[in-house]
Amino acid sequence: MNQTDIELKVNKFLIDDLEIDEDAIKPEASLKEDLGIDSLDFVDIVVIVEKNFGFKIKPEEMANVKTLDDFYKYIATKVGR
């Protein structure tokens, strides 16, 4: 799976499942401040990522994930193994 595939899948579930405005989805967008992702949304994201990408997110690994681009890169490191 390449970077574009990852970005498309992530963007789709952000829009469809978390109801985030498509205009807000930019690589530099902050997950919390710009996209409004909170701890309850994070629980949904864990389930969605496991279903779509086949791995479990470990909370400690997400500590440095601040932007959407960070999140894309985090997923890429996991699915690229």
PDB file of N, CA and C in Angstrom:
ATOM      1  N   MET A   1       0.857  -1.173   0.000  1.00  0.00           N
ATOM      2  CA  MET A   1       0.000   0.000   0.000  1.00  0.00           C
ATOM      3  C   MET A   1       0.903   1.235   0.000  1.00  0.00           C
ATOM      4  N   ASN A   2       0.640   2.148  -0.931  1.00  0.00           N
ATOM      5  CA  ASN A   2       1.490   3.333  -1.015  1.00  0.00           C
ATOM      6  C   ASN A   2       0.902   4.512  -0.225  1.00  0.00           C
ATOM      7  N   GLN A   3       1.656   5.600  -0.166  1.00  0.00           N
ATOM      8  CA  GLN A   3       1.271   6.777   0.619  1.00  0.00           C
ATOM      9  C   GLN A   3      -0.075   7.340   0.161  1.00  0.00           C
ATOM     10  N   THR A   4      -0.308   7.378  -1.130  1.00  0.00           N
ATOM     11  CA  THR A   4      -1.571   7.916  -1.656  1.00  0.00           C
ATOM     12  C   THR A   4      -2.752   7.067  -1.201  1.00  0.00           C
ATOM     13  N   ASP A   5      -2.598   5.742  -1.255  1.00  0.00           N
ATOM     14  CA  ASP A   5      -3.667   4.843  -0.793  1.00  0.00           C
ATOM     15  C   ASP A   5      -3.985   5.082   0.679  1.00  0.00           C
ATOM     16  N   ILE A   6      -2.938   5.237   1.478  1.00  0.00           N
ATOM     17  CA  ILE A   6      -3.122   5.482   2.909  1.00  0.00           C
ATOM     18  C   ILE A   6      -3.878   6.784   3.121  1.00  0.00           C
ATOM     19  N   GLU A   7      -3.437   7.840   2.451  1.00  0.00           N
ATOM     20  CA  GLU A   7      -4.085   9.144   2.610  1.00  0.00           C
ATOM     21  C   GLU A   7      -5.551   9.100   2.195  1.00  0.00           C
ATOM     22  N   LEU A   8      -5.845   8.435   1.098  1.00  0.00           N
ATOM     23  CA  LEU A   8      -7.229   8.342   0.633  1.00  0.00           C
ATOM     24  C   LEU A   8      -8.101   7.584   1.633  1.00  0.00           C
ATOM     25  N   LYS A   9      -7.591   6.471   2.153  1.00  0.00           N
ATOM     26  CA  LYS A   9      -8.362   5.686   3.133  1.00  0.00           C
ATOM     27  C   LYS A   9      -8.598   6.472   4.415  1.00  0.00           C
ATOM     28  N   VAL A  10      -7.546   7.121   4.905  1.00  0.00           N
ATOM     29  CA  VAL A  10      -7.668   7.900   6.139  1.00  0.00           C
ATOM     30  C   VAL A  10      -8.659   9.041   5.932  1.00  0.00           C
ATOM     31  N   ASN A  11      -8.504   9.776   4.845  1.00  0.00           N
ATOM     32  CA  ASN A  11      -9.407  10.901   4.578  1.00  0.00           C
ATOM     33  C   ASN A  11     -10.849  10.433   4.475  1.00  0.00           C
ATOM     34  N   LYS A  12     -11.056   9.287   3.840  1.00  0.00           N
ATOM     35  CA  LYS A  12     -12.416   8.773   3.683  1.00  0.00           C
ATOM     36  C   LYS A  12     -13.055   8.472   5.035  1.00  0.00           C
ATOM     37  N   PHE A  13     -12.328   7.799   5.945  1.00  0.00           N
ATOM     38  CA  PHE A  13     -12.963   7.503   7.224  1.00  0.00           C
ATOM     39  C   PHE A  13     -13.097   8.744   8.099  1.00  0.00           C
ATOM     40  N   LEU A  14     -12.213   9.714   7.932  1.00  0.00           N
ATOM     41  CA  LEU A  14     -12.385  10.962   8.687  1.00  0.00           C
ATOM     42  C   LEU A  14     -13.671  11.667   8.262  1.00  0.00           C
ATOM     43  N   ILE A  15     -13.919  11.683   6.971  1.00  0.00           N
ATOM     44  CA  ILE A  15     -15.120  12.350   6.440  1.00  0.00           C
ATOM     45  C   ILE A  15     -16.369  11.512   6.729  1.00  0.00           C
ATOM     46  N   ASP A  16     -16.332  10.218   6.410  1.00  0.00           N
ATOM     47  CA  ASP A  16     -17.521   9.374   6.510  1.00  0.00           C
ATOM     48  C   ASP A  16     -17.864   8.972   7.946  1.00  0.00           C
ATOM     49  N   ASP A  17     -16.860   8.553   8.701  1.00  0.00           N
ATOM     50  CA  ASP A  17     -17.121   7.999  10.029  1.00  0.00           C
ATOM     51  C   ASP A  17     -17.070   9.040  11.145  1.00  0.00           C
ATOM     52  N   LEU A  18     -16.153   9.990  11.033  1.00  0.00           N
ATOM     53  CA  LEU A  18     -16.020  11.000  12.087  1.00  0.00           C
ATOM     54  C   LEU A  18     -16.682  12.325  11.720  1.00  0.00           C
ATOM     55  N   GLU A  19     -17.216  12.388  10.499  1.00  0.00           N
ATOM     56  CA  GLU A  19     -17.955  13.560  10.009  1.00  0.00           C
ATOM     57  C   GLU A  19     -17.136  14.843  10.081  1.00  0.00           C
ATOM     58  N   ILE A  20     -15.871  14.740   9.715  1.00  0.00           N
ATOM     59  CA  ILE A  20     -14.996  15.910   9.660  1.00  0.00           C
ATOM     60  C   ILE A  20     -15.180  16.565   8.302  1.00  0.00           C
ATOM     61  N   ASP A  21     -15.256  17.883   8.317  1.00  0.00           N
ATOM     62  CA  ASP A  21     -15.452  18.657   7.095  1.00  0.00           C
ATOM     63  C   ASP A  21     -14.283  18.409   6.134  1.00  0.00           C
ATOM     64  N   GLU A  22     -14.608  18.055   4.918  1.00  0.00           N
ATOM     65  CA  GLU A  22     -13.589  17.738   3.918  1.00  0.00           C
ATOM     66  C   GLU A  22     -12.616  18.898   3.708  1.00  0.00           C
ATOM     67  N   ASP A  23     -13.087  20.126   3.821  1.00  0.00           N
ATOM     68  CA  ASP A  23     -12.227  21.296   3.628  1.00  0.00           C
ATOM     69  C   ASP A  23     -11.165  21.417   4.713  1.00  0.00           C
ATOM     70  N   ALA A  24     -11.399  20.821   5.873  1.00  0.00           N
ATOM     71  CA  ALA A  24     -10.448  20.898   6.989  1.00  0.00           C
ATOM     72  C   ALA A  24      -9.313  19.887   6.846  1.00  0.00           C
ATOM     73  N   ILE A  25      -9.480  18.925   5.961  1.00  0.00           N
ATOM     74  CA  ILE A  25      -8.502  17.841   5.840  1.00  0.00           C
ATOM     75  C   ILE A  25      -7.344  18.285   4.957  1.00  0.00           C
ATOM     76  N   LYS A  26      -6.269  18.654   5.649  1.00  0.00           N
ATOM     77  CA  LYS A  26      -5.022  19.070   5.001  1.00  0.00           C
ATOM     78  C   LYS A  26      -3.886  18.408   5.770  1.00  0.00           C
ATOM     79  N   PRO A  27      -2.795  18.063   5.100  1.00  0.00           N
ATOM     80  CA  PRO A  27      -1.699  17.377   5.800  1.00  0.00           C
ATOM     81  C   PRO A  27      -1.202  18.116   7.046  1.00  0.00           C
ATOM     82  N   GLU A  28      -1.199  19.433   7.004  1.00  0.00           N
ATOM     83  CA  GLU A  28      -0.676  20.202   8.134  1.00  0.00           C
ATOM     84  C   GLU A  28      -1.699  20.417   9.251  1.00  0.00           C
ATOM     85  N   ALA A  29      -2.927  19.933   9.052  1.00  0.00           N
ATOM     86  CA  ALA A  29      -3.985  20.129  10.053  1.00  0.00           C
ATOM     87  C   ALA A  29      -3.654  19.399  11.352  1.00  0.00           C
ATOM     88  N   SER A  30      -3.824  20.105  12.453  1.00  0.00           N
ATOM     89  CA  SER A  30      -3.647  19.504  13.776  1.00  0.00           C
ATOM     90  C   SER A  30      -4.839  18.586  14.050  1.00  0.00           C
ATOM     91  N   LEU A  31      -4.557  17.386  14.548  1.00  0.00           N
ATOM     92  CA  LEU A  31      -5.635  16.435  14.807  1.00  0.00           C
ATOM     93  C   LEU A  31      -6.621  16.983  15.835  1.00  0.00           C
ATOM     94  N   LYS A  32      -6.111  17.585  16.885  1.00  0.00           N
ATOM     95  CA  LYS A  32      -6.992  18.084  17.947  1.00  0.00           C
ATOM     96  C   LYS A  32      -7.584  19.449  17.617  1.00  0.00           C
ATOM     97  N   GLU A  33      -6.715  20.423  17.372  1.00  0.00           N
ATOM     98  CA  GLU A  33      -7.196  21.790  17.195  1.00  0.00           C
ATOM     99  C   GLU A  33      -7.957  22.004  15.882  1.00  0.00           C
ATOM    100  N   ASP A  34      -7.394  21.557  14.769  1.00  0.00           N
ATOM    101  CA  ASP A  34      -8.017  21.822  13.464  1.00  0.00           C
ATOM    102  C   ASP A  34      -9.131  20.842  13.112  1.00  0.00           C
ATOM    103  N   LEU A  35      -8.928  19.578  13.449  1.00  0.00           N
ATOM    104  CA  LEU A  35      -9.911  18.565  13.066  1.00  0.00           C
ATOM    105  C   LEU A  35     -10.878  18.225  14.202  1.00  0.00           C
ATOM    106  N   GLY A  36     -10.570  18.659  15.404  1.00  0.00           N
ATOM    107  CA  GLY A  36     -11.475  18.445  16.531  1.00  0.00           C
ATOM    108  C   GLY A  36     -11.555  17.008  17.009  1.00  0.00           C
ATOM    109  N   ILE A  37     -10.504  16.231  16.768  1.00  0.00           N
ATOM    110  CA  ILE A  37     -10.498  14.835  17.196  1.00  0.00           C
ATOM    111  C   ILE A  37     -10.228  14.788  18.699  1.00  0.00           C
ATOM    112  N   ASP A  38     -11.151  14.165  19.436  1.00  0.00           N
ATOM    113  CA  ASP A  38     -11.000  14.062  20.882  1.00  0.00           C
ATOM    114  C   ASP A  38     -10.788  12.608  21.278  1.00  0.00           C
ATOM    115  N   SER A  39     -10.756  12.348  22.569  1.00  0.00           N
ATOM    116  CA  SER A  39     -10.460  10.992  23.039  1.00  0.00           C
ATOM    117  C   SER A  39     -11.515   9.976  22.611  1.00  0.00           C
ATOM    118  N   LEU A  40     -12.776  10.388  22.520  1.00  0.00           N
ATOM    119  CA  LEU A  40     -13.823   9.460  22.054  1.00  0.00           C
ATOM    120  C   LEU A  40     -13.640   9.136  20.577  1.00  0.00           C
ATOM    121  N   ASP A  41     -13.279  10.154  19.791  1.00  0.00           N
ATOM    122  CA  ASP A  41     -12.995   9.917  18.374  1.00  0.00           C
ATOM    123  C   ASP A  41     -11.801   8.977  18.221  1.00  0.00           C
ATOM    124  N   PHE A  42     -10.827   9.140  19.105  1.00  0.00           N
ATOM    125  CA  PHE A  42      -9.639   8.302  19.028  1.00  0.00           C
ATOM    126  C   PHE A  42      -9.982   6.823  19.185  1.00  0.00           C
ATOM    127  N   VAL A  43     -10.929   6.525  20.049  1.00  0.00           N
ATOM    128  CA  VAL A  43     -11.381   5.133  20.226  1.00  0.00           C
ATOM    129  C   VAL A  43     -11.929   4.600  18.901  1.00  0.00           C
ATOM    130  N   ASP A  44     -12.726   5.412  18.219  1.00  0.00           N
ATOM    131  CA  ASP A  44     -13.253   5.021  16.909  1.00  0.00           C
ATOM    132  C   ASP A  44     -12.118   4.833  15.900  1.00  0.00           C
ATOM    133  N   ILE A  45     -11.144   5.729  15.938  1.00  0.00           N
ATOM    134  CA  ILE A  45     -10.018   5.649  15.002  1.00  0.00           C
ATOM    135  C   ILE A  45      -9.253   4.353  15.196  1.00  0.00           C
ATOM    136  N   VAL A  46      -9.042   3.944  16.440  1.00  0.00           N
ATOM    137  CA  VAL A  46      -8.332   2.688  16.724  1.00  0.00           C
ATOM    138  C   VAL A  46      -9.041   1.524  16.047  1.00  0.00           C
ATOM    139  N   VAL A  47     -10.360   1.464  16.179  1.00  0.00           N
ATOM    140  CA  VAL A  47     -11.149   0.380  15.581  1.00  0.00           C
ATOM    141  C   VAL A  47     -11.094   0.453  14.054  1.00  0.00           C
ATOM    142  N   ILE A  48     -11.251   1.652  13.511  1.00  0.00           N
ATOM    143  CA  ILE A  48     -11.260   1.832  12.048  1.00  0.00           C
ATOM    144  C   ILE A  48      -9.902   1.472  11.447  1.00  0.00           C
ATOM    145  N   VAL A  49      -8.818   1.909  12.090  1.00  0.00           N
ATOM    146  CA  VAL A  49      -7.474   1.609  11.575  1.00  0.00           C
ATOM    147  C   VAL A  49      -7.231   0.102  11.602  1.00  0.00           C
ATOM    148  N   GLU A  50      -7.642  -0.552  12.673  1.00  0.00           N
ATOM    149  CA  GLU A  50      -7.453  -2.001  12.741  1.00  0.00           C
ATOM    150  C   GLU A  50      -8.210  -2.695  11.610  1.00  0.00           C
ATOM    151  N   LYS A  51      -9.432  -2.243  11.346  1.00  0.00           N
ATOM    152  CA  LYS A  51     -10.257  -2.837  10.287  1.00  0.00           C
ATOM    153  C   LYS A  51      -9.668  -2.563   8.900  1.00  0.00           C
ATOM    154  N   ASN A  52      -9.214  -1.336   8.666  1.00  0.00           N
ATOM    155  CA  ASN A  52      -8.750  -0.937   7.339  1.00  0.00           C
ATOM    156  C   ASN A  52      -7.296  -1.271   7.039  1.00  0.00           C
ATOM    157  N   PHE A  53      -6.466  -1.259   8.085  1.00  0.00           N
ATOM    158  CA  PHE A  53      -5.033  -1.426   7.851  1.00  0.00           C
ATOM    159  C   PHE A  53      -4.446  -2.666   8.516  1.00  0.00           C
ATOM    160  N   GLY A  54      -5.212  -3.335   9.387  1.00  0.00           N
ATOM    161  CA  GLY A  54      -4.775  -4.602   9.945  1.00  0.00           C
ATOM    162  C   GLY A  54      -3.763  -4.545  11.082  1.00  0.00           C
ATOM    163  N   PHE A  55      -3.710  -3.430  11.806  1.00  0.00           N
ATOM    164  CA  PHE A  55      -2.841  -3.378  12.983  1.00  0.00           C
ATOM    165  C   PHE A  55      -3.520  -2.562  14.075  1.00  0.00           C
ATOM    166  N   LYS A  56      -3.066  -2.780  15.310  1.00  0.00           N
ATOM    167  CA  LYS A  56      -3.611  -2.043  16.450  1.00  0.00           C
ATOM    168  C   LYS A  56      -2.724  -0.855  16.767  1.00  0.00           C
ATOM    169  N   ILE A  57      -3.346   0.272  16.988  1.00  0.00           N
ATOM    170  CA  ILE A  57      -2.614   1.466  17.393  1.00  0.00           C
ATOM    171  C   ILE A  57      -2.267   1.334  18.873  1.00  0.00           C
ATOM    172  N   LYS A  58      -1.014   1.595  19.190  1.00  0.00           N
ATOM    173  CA  LYS A  58      -0.586   1.634  20.586  1.00  0.00           C
ATOM    174  C   LYS A  58      -0.544   3.100  21.003  1.00  0.00           C
ATOM    175  N   PRO A  59      -1.251   3.457  22.063  1.00  0.00           N
ATOM    176  CA  PRO A  59      -1.313   4.870  22.470  1.00  0.00           C
ATOM    177  C   PRO A  59       0.047   5.530  22.631  1.00  0.00           C
ATOM    178  N   GLU A  60       1.021   4.803  23.162  1.00  0.00           N
ATOM    179  CA  GLU A  60       2.340   5.404  23.349  1.00  0.00           C
ATOM    180  C   GLU A  60       3.016   5.758  22.025  1.00  0.00           C
ATOM    181  N   GLU A  61       2.662   5.051  20.968  1.00  0.00           N
ATOM    182  CA  GLU A  61       3.231   5.346  19.651  1.00  0.00           C
ATOM    183  C   GLU A  61       2.608   6.594  19.029  1.00  0.00           C
ATOM    184  N   MET A  62       1.464   6.988  19.533  1.00  0.00           N
ATOM    185  CA  MET A  62       0.763   8.157  18.998  1.00  0.00           C
ATOM    186  C   MET A  62       1.175   9.458  19.691  1.00  0.00           C
ATOM    187  N   ALA A  63       2.067   9.367  20.664  1.00  0.00           N
ATOM    188  CA  ALA A  63       2.446  10.545  21.450  1.00  0.00           C
ATOM    189  C   ALA A  63       2.979  11.691  20.595  1.00  0.00           C
ATOM    190  N   ASN A  64       3.718  11.378  19.544  1.00  0.00           N
ATOM    191  CA  ASN A  64       4.298  12.421  18.696  1.00  0.00           C
ATOM    192  C   ASN A  64       3.494  12.698  17.439  1.00  0.00           C
ATOM    193  N   VAL A  65       2.326  12.094  17.329  1.00  0.00           N
ATOM    194  CA  VAL A  65       1.468  12.299  16.164  1.00  0.00           C
ATOM    195  C   VAL A  65       0.559  13.493  16.452  1.00  0.00           C
ATOM    196  N   LYS A  66       0.909  14.625  15.855  1.00  0.00           N
ATOM    197  CA  LYS A  66       0.170  15.863  16.118  1.00  0.00           C
ATOM    198  C   LYS A  66      -0.665  16.322  14.922  1.00  0.00           C
ATOM    199  N   THR A  67      -0.155  16.068  13.726  1.00  0.00           N
ATOM    200  CA  THR A  67      -0.841  16.533  12.513  1.00  0.00           C
ATOM    201  C   THR A  67      -1.352  15.357  11.698  1.00  0.00           C
ATOM    202  N   LEU A  68      -2.167  15.657  10.737  1.00  0.00           N
ATOM    203  CA  LEU A  68      -2.682  14.617   9.849  1.00  0.00           C
ATOM    204  C   LEU A  68      -1.538  13.957   9.080  1.00  0.00           C
ATOM    205  N   ASP A  69      -0.561  14.753   8.667  1.00  0.00           N
ATOM    206  CA  ASP A  69       0.589  14.198   7.965  1.00  0.00           C
ATOM    207  C   ASP A  69       1.369  13.225   8.866  1.00  0.00           C
ATOM    208  N   ASP A  70       1.516  13.576  10.150  1.00  0.00           N
ATOM    209  CA  ASP A  70       2.156  12.659  11.103  1.00  0.00           C
ATOM    210  C   ASP A  70       1.388  11.336  11.155  1.00  0.00           C
ATOM    211  N   PHE A  71       0.064  11.436  11.138  1.00  0.00           N
ATOM    212  CA  PHE A  71      -0.777  10.238  11.212  1.00  0.00           C
ATOM    213  C   PHE A  71      -0.604   9.374   9.963  1.00  0.00           C
ATOM    214  N   TYR A  72      -0.578  10.021   8.776  1.00  0.00           N
ATOM    215  CA  TYR A  72      -0.326   9.265   7.538  1.00  0.00           C
ATOM    216  C   TYR A  72       1.005   8.514   7.642  1.00  0.00           C
ATOM    217  N   LYS A  73       2.035   9.217   8.093  1.00  0.00           N
ATOM    218  CA  LYS A  73       3.362   8.622   8.171  1.00  0.00           C
ATOM    219  C   LYS A  73       3.415   7.481   9.189  1.00  0.00           C
ATOM    220  N   TYR A  74       2.719   7.668  10.310  1.00  0.00           N
ATOM    221  CA  TYR A  74       2.651   6.613  11.326  1.00  0.00           C
ATOM    222  C   TYR A  74       2.040   5.339  10.719  1.00  0.00           C
ATOM    223  N   ILE A  75       0.938   5.490  10.010  1.00  0.00           N
ATOM    224  CA  ILE A  75       0.290   4.327   9.389  1.00  0.00           C
ATOM    225  C   ILE A  75       1.228   3.695   8.354  1.00  0.00           C
ATOM    226  N   ALA A  76       1.896   4.529   7.568  1.00  0.00           N
ATOM    227  CA  ALA A  76       2.813   4.018   6.543  1.00  0.00           C
ATOM    228  C   ALA A  76       3.915   3.170   7.163  1.00  0.00           C
ATOM    229  N   THR A  77       4.421   3.564   8.335  1.00  0.00           N
ATOM    230  CA  THR A  77       5.480   2.771   8.970  1.00  0.00           C
ATOM    231  C   THR A  77       4.946   1.418   9.427  1.00  0.00           C
ATOM    232  N   LYS A  78       3.688   1.357   9.782  1.00  0.00           N
ATOM    233  CA  LYS A  78       3.091   0.115  10.262  1.00  0.00           C
ATOM    234  C   LYS A  78       2.714  -0.831   9.124  1.00  0.00           C
ATOM    235  N   VAL A  79       2.144  -0.311   8.063  1.00  0.00           N
ATOM    236  CA  VAL A  79       1.719  -1.180   6.960  1.00  0.00           C
ATOM    237  C   VAL A  79       2.859  -1.523   6.020  1.00  0.00           C
ATOM    238  N   GLY A  80       3.950  -0.795   6.129  1.00  0.00           N
ATOM    239  CA  GLY A  80       5.095  -1.043   5.275  1.00  0.00           C
ATOM    240  C   GLY A  80       5.991  -2.174   5.751  1.00  0.00           C
ATOM    241  N   ARG A  81       5.631  -2.771   6.902  1.00  0.00           N
ATOM    242  CA  ARG A  81       6.463  -3.836   7.472  1.00  0.00           C
ATOM    243  C   ARG A  81       6.212  -5.166   6.822  1.00  0.00           C
TER     244      ARG A  81
END
